Amino acid sequence: MRRWLKGFATAVVAIALSGMASTAGAETIQSFLTGVVDNGNGTFTYNYQLKLTNDNGLTSSGSFESGLVILDFVGLTGAQVLSSVGTDVTATTDWSISTPATGGGTLANSSYSAITGKTTLTGDPLAPEVSGFDSAAYANVVLEYIGGGLPVSGTVRNLINLSLTSIYGVHTPNAVLTLSRDTKSDGAFPVETFAIDAPVVPLPAAAWAGMALMGFISANKLRVSRRLQA
């Protein structure tokens, strides 16, 4: 029995890791949370470093301009702030920000379906499209690249810093899905997904109490089971 449980747990971990790996594609504008600041007024500022994966570039021309869609950033409030510091290779004026309730904002070849509840970003031709669930209850944050062409490079590059403010200070890893599109040297416009650390709606106190009670009950059952097996 114990061997079976161990094997089952291993399989679950493997599936979870494979699922996470699928969100870290090679043609991606990736956002990494670098810190959360408690503003002392009931709001929290989330600071992100945007990176461009290797062998990719950026373009603002055509129907497949480069961009990033952060889906359902919960509790979004105030202004969205861009800053170019350190090794960032783009300027604040190279990006346009919008915060639509659903969809990809001004990004061309992006769409939202009320039927599926998903926003889709289309590329050409290697990865036709990517999509993610998109609730109208929470705003998306859309960054559209409007600067000059950024040539393909063989290394990962820091693009820009993004600061977003939320009314929620609780955050978890891989809480939010992003959709992105960039360019490659062969003229393709690949799209990809990437999960980021972001704020989440805190569970009510009653829910925490219920979870604690379930944990207590489970622990007691385990102790009883071990006594019976002894």
C-alpha atoms as a PDB file:
ATOM      1  CA  MET A   1       0.000   0.000   0.000  1.00  0.00           C
ATOM      2  CA  ARG A   2       2.773   2.384   0.949  1.00  0.00           C
ATOM      3  CA  ARG A   3       4.639   1.618  -2.280  1.00  0.00           C
ATOM      4  CA  TRP A   4       1.481   2.358  -4.281  1.00  0.00           C
ATOM      5  CA  LEU A   5       0.978   5.683  -2.492  1.00  0.00           C
ATOM      6  CA  LYS A   6       4.608   6.617  -3.061  1.00  0.00           C
ATOM      7  CA  GLY A   7       4.292   5.806  -6.755  1.00  0.00           C
ATOM      8  CA  PHE A   8       1.043   7.744  -7.010  1.00  0.00           C
ATOM      9  CA  ALA A   9       2.582  10.797  -5.326  1.00  0.00           C
ATOM     10  CA  THR A  10       5.568  10.645  -7.662  1.00  0.00           C
ATOM     11  CA  ALA A  11       3.260  10.522 -10.684  1.00  0.00           C
ATOM     12  CA  VAL A  12       1.259  13.502  -9.417  1.00  0.00           C
ATOM     13  CA  VAL A  13       4.435  15.546  -8.932  1.00  0.00           C
ATOM     14  CA  ALA A  14       5.646  14.603 -12.410  1.00  0.00           C
ATOM     15  CA  ILE A  15       2.352  15.650 -13.976  1.00  0.00           C
ATOM     16  CA  ALA A  16       2.392  18.951 -12.075  1.00  0.00           C
ATOM     17  CA  LEU A  17       5.942  19.704 -13.143  1.00  0.00           C
ATOM     18  CA  SER A  18       5.214  18.859 -16.768  1.00  0.00           C
ATOM     19  CA  GLY A  19       2.234  21.190 -16.666  1.00  0.00           C
ATOM     20  CA  MET A  20       4.351  24.027 -15.310  1.00  0.00           C
ATOM     21  CA  ALA A  21       7.053  23.394 -17.882  1.00  0.00           C
ATOM     22  CA  SER A  22       4.532  23.771 -20.690  1.00  0.00           C
ATOM     23  CA  THR A  23       3.971  27.405 -19.653  1.00  0.00           C
ATOM     24  CA  ALA A  24       7.656  28.307 -19.919  1.00  0.00           C
ATOM     25  CA  GLY A  25       8.039  28.305 -23.690  1.00  0.00           C
ATOM     26  CA  ALA A  26      11.034  29.308 -25.755  1.00  0.00           C
ATOM     27  CA  GLU A  27       9.306  32.104 -27.694  1.00  0.00           C
ATOM     28  CA  THR A  28       8.144  34.134 -24.765  1.00  0.00           C
ATOM     29  CA  ILE A  29       8.083  37.545 -23.169  1.00  0.00           C
ATOM     30  CA  GLN A  30       8.317  36.430 -19.555  1.00  0.00           C
ATOM     31  CA  SER A  31       7.427  38.378 -16.399  1.00  0.00           C
ATOM     32  CA  PHE A  32       9.188  37.667 -13.117  1.00  0.00           C
ATOM     33  CA  LEU A  33       7.996  39.068  -9.793  1.00  0.00           C
ATOM     34  CA  THR A  34      10.924  40.859  -8.125  1.00  0.00           C
ATOM     35  CA  GLY A  35       9.135  42.178  -5.060  1.00  0.00           C
ATOM     36  CA  VAL A  36       5.905  43.354  -3.430  1.00  0.00           C
ATOM     37  CA  VAL A  37       5.702  46.679  -1.591  1.00  0.00           C
ATOM     38  CA  ASP A  38       3.091  47.333   1.104  1.00  0.00           C
ATOM     39  CA  ASN A  39       2.074  50.934   0.448  1.00  0.00           C
ATOM     40  CA  GLY A  40       0.522  51.275   3.894  1.00  0.00           C
ATOM     41  CA  ASN A  41      -2.825  52.437   2.508  1.00  0.00           C
ATOM     42  CA  GLY A  42      -4.441  49.097   1.772  1.00  0.00           C
ATOM     43  CA  THR A  43      -2.705  48.675  -1.580  1.00  0.00           C
ATOM     44  CA  PHE A  44       0.321  46.678  -2.653  1.00  0.00           C
ATOM     45  CA  THR A  45       2.685  47.340  -5.563  1.00  0.00           C
ATOM     46  CA  TYR A  46       3.882  44.316  -7.514  1.00  0.00           C
ATOM     47  CA  ASN A  47       7.151  44.857  -9.367  1.00  0.00           C
ATOM     48  CA  TYR A  48       7.982  42.710 -12.383  1.00  0.00           C
ATOM     49  CA  GLN A  49      11.012  42.364 -14.619  1.00  0.00           C
ATOM     50  CA  LEU A  50      10.014  41.543 -18.195  1.00  0.00           C
ATOM     51  CA  LYS A  51      12.484  39.383 -20.086  1.00  0.00           C
ATOM     52  CA  LEU A  52      12.744  38.222 -23.701  1.00  0.00           C
ATOM     53  CA  THR A  53      13.891  34.638 -24.218  1.00  0.00           C
ATOM     54  CA  ASN A  54      16.905  33.946 -26.385  1.00  0.00           C
ATOM     55  CA  ASP A  55      16.787  33.821 -30.201  1.00  0.00           C
ATOM     56  CA  ASN A  56      13.885  36.276 -30.298  1.00  0.00           C
ATOM     57  CA  GLY A  57      13.293  39.946 -31.050  1.00  0.00           C
ATOM     58  CA  LEU A  58      10.515  42.547 -31.018  1.00  0.00           C
ATOM     59  CA  THR A  59       8.583  44.366 -33.724  1.00  0.00           C
ATOM     60  CA  SER A  60       5.890  47.038 -33.816  1.00  0.00           C
ATOM     61  CA  SER A  61       5.001  46.645 -37.472  1.00  0.00           C
ATOM     62  CA  GLY A  62       2.471  44.519 -39.317  1.00  0.00           C
ATOM     63  CA  SER A  63      -0.456  42.572 -37.974  1.00  0.00           C
ATOM     64  CA  PHE A  64       1.611  40.623 -35.464  1.00  0.00           C
ATOM     65  CA  GLU A  65       3.284  43.280 -33.344  1.00  0.00           C
ATOM     66  CA  SER A  66       5.026  42.092 -30.193  1.00  0.00           C
ATOM     67  CA  GLY A  67       3.124  42.276 -26.956  1.00  0.00           C
ATOM     68  CA  LEU A  68       2.106  40.769 -23.657  1.00  0.00           C
ATOM     69  CA  VAL A  69      -1.309  40.070 -22.123  1.00  0.00           C
ATOM     70  CA  ILE A  70      -1.496  39.492 -18.364  1.00  0.00           C
ATOM     71  CA  LEU A  71      -4.851  37.824 -17.790  1.00  0.00           C
ATOM     72  CA  ASP A  72      -7.006  38.696 -14.757  1.00  0.00           C
ATOM     73  CA  PHE A  73      -4.697  40.720 -12.522  1.00  0.00           C
ATOM     74  CA  VAL A  74      -6.970  40.712  -9.477  1.00  0.00           C
ATOM     75  CA  GLY A  75      -7.560  43.887  -7.492  1.00  0.00           C
ATOM     76  CA  LEU A  76      -5.844  46.125 -10.037  1.00  0.00           C
ATOM     77  CA  THR A  77      -5.989  49.768  -9.002  1.00  0.00           C
ATOM     78  CA  GLY A  78      -4.193  53.016  -9.766  1.00  0.00           C
ATOM     79  CA  ALA A  79      -1.696  53.608 -12.553  1.00  0.00           C
ATOM     80  CA  GLN A  80       0.467  51.034 -14.295  1.00  0.00           C
ATOM     81  CA  VAL A  81       4.088  52.193 -14.227  1.00  0.00           C
ATOM     82  CA  LEU A  82       6.925  51.290 -16.582  1.00  0.00           C
ATOM     83  CA  SER A  83      10.557  51.985 -15.745  1.00  0.00           C
ATOM     84  CA  SER A  84      13.749  51.255 -17.653  1.00  0.00           C
ATOM     85  CA  VAL A  85      16.712  50.563 -15.392  1.00  0.00           C
ATOM     86  CA  GLY A  86      19.978  48.684 -15.352  1.00  0.00           C
ATOM     87  CA  THR A  87      20.311  46.307 -18.288  1.00  0.00           C
ATOM     88  CA  ASP A  88      16.838  46.904 -19.761  1.00  0.00           C
ATOM     89  CA  VAL A  89      17.094  47.136 -23.561  1.00  0.00           C
ATOM     90  CA  THR A  90      13.806  48.989 -24.199  1.00  0.00           C
ATOM     91  CA  ALA A  91      12.538  52.376 -23.010  1.00  0.00           C
ATOM     92  CA  THR A  92       9.262  53.284 -21.367  1.00  0.00           C
ATOM     93  CA  THR A  93       8.218  55.045 -24.584  1.00  0.00           C
ATOM     94  CA  ASP A  94       8.576  51.753 -26.486  1.00  0.00           C
ATOM     95  CA  TRP A  95       5.445  50.356 -24.827  1.00  0.00           C
ATOM     96  CA  SER A  96       1.756  51.161 -24.687  1.00  0.00           C
ATOM     97  CA  ILE A  97      -0.381  49.916 -21.773  1.00  0.00           C
ATOM     98  CA  SER A  98      -4.123  49.257 -21.683  1.00  0.00           C
ATOM     99  CA  THR A  99      -6.306  47.519 -19.094  1.00  0.00           C
ATOM    100  CA  PRO A 100      -9.347  45.974 -20.826  1.00  0.00           C
ATOM    101  CA  ALA A 101     -11.822  43.894 -18.850  1.00  0.00           C
ATOM    102  CA  THR A 102     -11.319  41.074 -21.366  1.00  0.00           C
ATOM    103  CA  GLY A 103      -9.249  40.465 -24.471  1.00  0.00           C
ATOM    104  CA  GLY A 104      -5.932  41.721 -25.767  1.00  0.00           C
ATOM    105  CA  GLY A 105      -6.753  45.408 -25.934  1.00  0.00           C
ATOM    106  CA  THR A 106      -5.060  47.102 -28.878  1.00  0.00           C
ATOM    107  CA  LEU A 107      -2.985  44.055 -29.842  1.00  0.00           C
ATOM    108  CA  ALA A 108      -3.785  42.961 -33.375  1.00  0.00           C
ATOM    109  CA  ASN A 109      -4.876  39.363 -33.923  1.00  0.00           C
ATOM    110  CA  SER A 110      -6.172  39.016 -30.380  1.00  0.00           C
ATOM    111  CA  SER A 111      -9.751  38.166 -29.486  1.00  0.00           C
ATOM    112  CA  TYR A 112     -12.074  37.277 -26.641  1.00  0.00           C
ATOM    113  CA  SER A 113     -14.920  34.744 -26.834  1.00  0.00           C
ATOM    114  CA  ALA A 114     -17.833  35.093 -24.431  1.00  0.00           C
ATOM    115  CA  ILE A 115     -18.806  31.534 -25.359  1.00  0.00           C
ATOM    116  CA  THR A 116     -15.565  29.897 -24.219  1.00  0.00           C
ATOM    117  CA  GLY A 117     -14.595  32.614 -21.732  1.00  0.00           C
ATOM    118  CA  LYS A 118     -11.111  32.692 -23.242  1.00  0.00           C
ATOM    119  CA  THR A 119      -8.821  35.308 -24.735  1.00  0.00           C
ATOM    120  CA  THR A 120      -6.757  34.152 -27.713  1.00  0.00           C
ATOM    121  CA  LEU A 121      -3.555  35.594 -29.163  1.00  0.00           C
ATOM    122  CA  THR A 122      -2.626  34.541 -32.680  1.00  0.00           C
ATOM    123  CA  GLY A 123       0.851  34.217 -34.204  1.00  0.00           C
ATOM    124  CA  ASP A 124       2.254  33.186 -37.561  1.00  0.00           C
ATOM    125  CA  PRO A 125       3.086  30.543 -38.648  1.00  0.00           C
ATOM    126  CA  LEU A 126       4.920  28.311 -36.157  1.00  0.00           C
ATOM    127  CA  ALA A 127       2.499  28.512 -33.219  1.00  0.00           C
ATOM    128  CA  PRO A 128      -0.931  29.457 -34.592  1.00  0.00           C
ATOM    129  CA  GLU A 129      -2.531  30.587 -31.342  1.00  0.00           C
ATOM    130  CA  VAL A 130      -2.515  30.444 -27.549  1.00  0.00           C
ATOM    131  CA  SER A 131      -5.406  31.148 -25.199  1.00  0.00           C
ATOM    132  CA  GLY A 132      -6.351  31.382 -21.547  1.00  0.00           C
ATOM    133  CA  PHE A 133      -9.472  31.779 -19.418  1.00  0.00           C
ATOM    134  CA  ASP A 134     -10.363  35.433 -18.978  1.00  0.00           C
ATOM    135  CA  SER A 135     -12.883  36.674 -16.411  1.00  0.00           C
ATOM    136  CA  ALA A 136     -14.615  40.006 -16.931  1.00  0.00           C
ATOM    137  CA  ALA A 137     -14.477  40.475 -13.144  1.00  0.00           C
ATOM    138  CA  TYR A 138     -10.754  41.280 -13.255  1.00  0.00           C
ATOM    139  CA  ALA A 139      -8.868  43.562 -15.619  1.00  0.00           C
ATOM    140  CA  ASN A 140      -6.185  42.381 -18.009  1.00  0.00           C
ATOM    141  CA  VAL A 141      -2.940  44.298 -18.372  1.00  0.00           C
ATOM    142  CA  VAL A 142      -1.873  44.564 -22.024  1.00  0.00           C
ATOM    143  CA  LEU A 143       1.543  45.788 -23.150  1.00  0.00           C
ATOM    144  CA  GLU A 144       1.910  46.556 -26.852  1.00  0.00           C
ATOM    145  CA  TYR A 145       5.390  47.140 -28.264  1.00  0.00           C
ATOM    146  CA  ILE A 146       5.437  50.402 -30.267  1.00  0.00           C
ATOM    147  CA  GLY A 147       9.182  51.027 -30.435  1.00  0.00           C
ATOM    148  CA  GLY A 148      11.689  50.389 -33.196  1.00  0.00           C
ATOM    149  CA  GLY A 149      12.545  46.839 -34.147  1.00  0.00           C
ATOM    150  CA  LEU A 150      14.642  44.986 -31.586  1.00  0.00           C
ATOM    151  CA  PRO A 151      16.911  42.526 -33.441  1.00  0.00           C
ATOM    152  CA  VAL A 152      17.059  38.846 -32.560  1.00  0.00           C
ATOM    153  CA  SER A 153      19.719  37.974 -30.001  1.00  0.00           C
ATOM    154  CA  GLY A 154      21.118  34.662 -28.841  1.00  0.00           C
ATOM    155  CA  THR A 155      20.845  35.641 -25.190  1.00  0.00           C
ATOM    156  CA  VAL A 156      18.033  36.340 -22.734  1.00  0.00           C
ATOM    157  CA  ARG A 157      17.516  40.109 -22.365  1.00  0.00           C
ATOM    158  CA  ASN A 158      15.841  42.315 -19.793  1.00  0.00           C
ATOM    159  CA  LEU A 159      13.152  44.356 -21.552  1.00  0.00           C
ATOM    160  CA  ILE A 160      11.470  46.684 -19.058  1.00  0.00           C
ATOM    161  CA  ASN A 161      10.258  46.914 -15.458  1.00  0.00           C
ATOM    162  CA  LEU A 162       6.510  46.925 -14.803  1.00  0.00           C
ATOM    163  CA  SER A 163       4.808  47.969 -11.552  1.00  0.00           C
ATOM    164  CA  LEU A 164       1.166  47.074 -10.922  1.00  0.00           C
ATOM    165  CA  THR A 165      -0.863  47.959  -7.839  1.00  0.00           C
ATOM    166  CA  SER A 166      -3.483  45.686  -6.281  1.00  0.00           C
ATOM    167  CA  ILE A 167      -5.758  45.886  -3.271  1.00  0.00           C
ATOM    168  CA  TYR A 168      -4.609  42.362  -2.387  1.00  0.00           C
ATOM    169  CA  GLY A 169      -1.280  41.612  -0.771  1.00  0.00           C
ATOM    170  CA  VAL A 170      -1.641  37.824  -0.856  1.00  0.00           C
ATOM    171  CA  HIS A 171       0.116  36.336  -3.871  1.00  0.00           C
ATOM    172  CA  THR A 172       0.997  32.848  -5.046  1.00  0.00           C
ATOM    173  CA  PRO A 173       3.315  31.331  -7.673  1.00  0.00           C
ATOM    174  CA  ASN A 174       1.853  30.706 -11.136  1.00  0.00           C
ATOM    175  CA  ALA A 175      -1.394  32.444 -10.165  1.00  0.00           C
ATOM    176  CA  VAL A 176      -1.906  34.233 -13.472  1.00  0.00           C
ATOM    177  CA  LEU A 177      -1.412  33.206 -17.091  1.00  0.00           C
ATOM    178  CA  THR A 178       0.181  35.516 -19.641  1.00  0.00           C
ATOM    179  CA  LEU A 179       0.005  35.384 -23.444  1.00  0.00           C
ATOM    180  CA  SER A 180       2.850  36.877 -25.488  1.00  0.00           C
ATOM    181  CA  ARG A 181       4.043  37.328 -29.047  1.00  0.00           C
ATOM    182  CA  ASP A 182       7.515  38.261 -30.327  1.00  0.00           C
ATOM    183  CA  THR A 183       9.550  37.796 -33.535  1.00  0.00           C
ATOM    184  CA  LYS A 184      12.217  35.465 -34.868  1.00  0.00           C
ATOM    185  CA  SER A 185      14.939  35.848 -37.479  1.00  0.00           C
ATOM    186  CA  ASP A 186      13.009  33.688 -39.972  1.00  0.00           C
ATOM    187  CA  GLY A 187      10.153  36.198 -40.058  1.00  0.00           C
ATOM    188  CA  ALA A 188       7.851  34.159 -37.844  1.00  0.00           C
ATOM    189  CA  PHE A 189       5.736  35.625 -35.058  1.00  0.00           C
ATOM    190  CA  PRO A 190       5.535  32.911 -32.381  1.00  0.00           C
ATOM    191  CA  VAL A 191       3.098  33.074 -29.466  1.00  0.00           C
ATOM    192  CA  GLU A 192       3.441  31.397 -26.098  1.00  0.00           C
ATOM    193  CA  THR A 193       2.075  31.260 -22.552  1.00  0.00           C
ATOM    194  CA  PHE A 194       3.844  31.805 -19.267  1.00  0.00           C
ATOM    195  CA  ALA A 195       2.516  31.597 -15.680  1.00  0.00           C
ATOM    196  CA  ILE A 196       3.532  34.346 -13.266  1.00  0.00           C
ATOM    197  CA  ASP A 197       3.368  35.083  -9.549  1.00  0.00           C
ATOM    198  CA  ALA A 198       0.485  37.474  -8.920  1.00  0.00           C
ATOM    199  CA  PRO A 199      -2.077  38.561  -6.307  1.00  0.00           C
ATOM    200  CA  VAL A 200      -5.004  36.334  -5.444  1.00  0.00           C
ATOM    201  CA  VAL A 201      -8.263  36.985  -3.603  1.00  0.00           C
ATOM    202  CA  PRO A 202      -7.655  35.942   0.036  1.00  0.00           C
ATOM    203  CA  LEU A 203      -9.797  33.146   1.435  1.00  0.00           C
ATOM    204  CA  PRO A 204     -12.339  34.255   4.058  1.00  0.00           C
ATOM    205  CA  ALA A 205     -11.479  33.506   7.681  1.00  0.00           C
ATOM    206  CA  ALA A 206     -14.214  30.857   7.778  1.00  0.00           C
ATOM    207  CA  ALA A 207     -12.574  29.044   4.877  1.00  0.00           C
ATOM    208  CA  TRP A 208      -9.199  29.038   6.634  1.00  0.00           C
ATOM    209  CA  ALA A 209     -10.874  27.665   9.760  1.00  0.00           C
ATOM    210  CA  GLY A 210     -12.513  24.943   7.683  1.00  0.00           C
ATOM    211  CA  MET A 211      -9.214  23.986   6.076  1.00  0.00           C
ATOM    212  CA  ALA A 212      -7.543  23.859   9.492  1.00  0.00           C
ATOM    213  CA  LEU A 213     -10.345  21.623  10.777  1.00  0.00           C
ATOM    214  CA  MET A 214      -9.982  19.293   7.788  1.00  0.00           C
ATOM    215  CA  GLY A 215      -6.258  19.112   8.437  1.00  0.00           C
ATOM    216  CA  PHE A 216      -6.881  18.270  12.095  1.00  0.00           C
ATOM    217  CA  ILE A 217      -9.378  15.541  11.170  1.00  0.00           C
ATOM    218  CA  SER A 218      -7.003  14.075   8.571  1.00  0.00           C
ATOM    219  CA  ALA A 219      -4.151  14.013  11.073  1.00  0.00           C
ATOM    220  CA  ASN A 220      -6.315  12.219  13.624  1.00  0.00           C
ATOM    221  CA  LYS A 221      -7.432   9.663  11.042  1.00  0.00           C
ATOM    222  CA  LEU A 222      -3.814   9.019  10.145  1.00  0.00           C
ATOM    223  CA  ARG A 223      -2.878   8.455  13.785  1.00  0.00           C
ATOM    224  CA  VAL A 224      -5.819   6.036  14.260  1.00  0.00           C
ATOM    225  CA  SER A 225      -4.853   4.186  11.076  1.00  0.00           C
ATOM    226  CA  ARG A 226      -1.284   3.775  12.259  1.00  0.00           C
ATOM    227  CA  ARG A 227      -2.469   2.427  15.627  1.00  0.00           C
ATOM    228  CA  LEU A 228      -4.663  -0.163  13.888  1.00  0.00           C
ATOM    229  CA  GLN A 229      -1.753  -1.231  11.690  1.00  0.00           C
ATOM    230  CA  ALA A 230       0.605  -1.574  14.660  1.00  0.00           C
END
